[in-house]
Protein backbone atom coordinates (compact mmCIF):
# COMPACT_ATOMS: atom_id res chain seq x y z
CA MET A 1 8.83 13.36 -41.48
CA TYR A 2 6.74 12.37 -38.60
CA ALA A 3 8.23 11.64 -35.14
CA THR A 4 7.77 7.95 -35.12
CA GLN A 5 9.51 7.43 -38.57
CA ALA A 6 12.47 9.62 -36.97
CA LEU A 7 12.53 7.21 -33.97
CA THR A 8 12.57 4.24 -36.22
CA HIS A 9 15.74 5.39 -37.85
CA LEU A 10 17.33 6.09 -34.56
CA VAL A 11 16.66 2.74 -33.06
CA PRO A 12 19.39 0.77 -34.96
CA LEU A 13 21.84 3.42 -33.99
CA ALA A 14 21.02 2.91 -30.27
CA ALA A 15 21.09 -0.97 -30.71
CA GLU A 16 24.69 -0.73 -31.69
CA GLU A 17 25.95 1.26 -28.86
CA LEU A 18 23.83 -0.55 -26.37
CA ASP A 19 26.10 -2.87 -24.20
CA LYS A 20 23.84 -5.78 -23.08
CA ASN A 21 25.90 -6.42 -19.92
CA LYS A 22 25.19 -2.85 -18.54
CA VAL A 23 21.50 -2.37 -19.03
CA THR A 24 19.96 -0.51 -16.01
CA PRO A 25 16.61 1.07 -15.40
CA GLY A 26 18.09 4.47 -15.53
CA VAL A 27 16.82 7.81 -14.00
CA LEU A 28 13.17 7.17 -15.09
CA GLY A 29 13.01 3.84 -13.19
CA PHE A 30 14.64 5.49 -10.20
CA LEU A 31 12.13 8.25 -10.20
CA VAL A 32 9.12 5.87 -10.54
CA PHE A 33 10.53 3.78 -7.70
CA ALA A 34 10.97 6.81 -5.53
CA ALA A 35 7.50 8.09 -6.20
CA LEU A 36 6.09 4.86 -5.20
CA ALA A 37 8.18 4.86 -2.03
CA VAL A 38 6.89 8.35 -1.15
CA GLY A 39 3.25 7.22 -1.73
CA VAL A 40 3.45 4.37 0.44
CA TRP A 41 5.21 6.31 3.08
CA ALA A 42 2.49 8.84 3.00
CA LEU A 43 -0.33 6.11 3.14
CA MET A 44 1.24 4.45 6.01
CA LYS A 45 1.62 7.82 7.91
CA SER A 46 -2.02 8.56 7.11
CA MET A 47 -3.17 5.09 8.28
CA ASN A 48 -1.27 5.40 11.52
CA ARG A 49 -2.88 8.86 12.36
CA HIS A 50 -6.32 7.27 11.42
CA MET A 51 -5.71 4.23 13.71
CA GLY A 52 -4.75 6.68 16.53
CA ARG A 53 -8.22 8.20 16.31
CA VAL A 54 -10.06 4.91 16.55
CA ASN A 55 -11.82 4.29 20.18
CA PHE A 56 -11.18 0.60 20.75
CA GLU A 57 -13.24 0.64 24.09
CA GLU A 58 -16.10 -1.55 23.62
CA ALA A 59 -19.55 -0.52 25.19
CA PRO A 60 -21.05 -2.95 27.81
CA ASP A 61 -23.69 -5.28 26.60
CA PRO A 62 -26.97 -4.21 28.12
CA ASP A 63 -28.39 -7.62 28.01
CA ALA A 64 -25.57 -9.31 30.09
CA ALA A 65 -26.35 -6.69 32.82
CA ALA A 66 -29.92 -7.66 32.98
CA GLU A 67 -29.33 -11.37 33.55
CA PRO A 68 -27.65 -12.06 36.85
CA VAL A 69 -26.02 -15.41 37.06
CA ALA A 70 -27.13 -17.26 40.21
CA GLY A 71 -25.00 -19.65 42.27
CA GLY A 72 -21.75 -18.81 40.61
CA ALA A 73 -22.47 -21.21 37.79
CA ALA A 74 -22.53 -20.03 34.23
CA ALA A 75 -26.18 -19.69 32.69
CA PRO A 76 -26.77 -21.96 29.72
CA ARG A 77 -26.72 -20.20 26.29
CA LYS A 78 -29.57 -20.50 23.91
């Protein structure tokens, strides 16, 4: 007898004992949810570590230093 045939014989037995008002995800559902939560926590921790290494200081524009503004008025942009 194959395993699938054995399971099809057990399904009617499980259906009789199943209380439709008390169906829960069970231990497997909790384990999947916990694994996803741990994975998201690890990704957030890694992202924070990488964002801490980013240098946000912008280098000065060499073209802006070469064009002095005369008379305090802004030079027109092209």
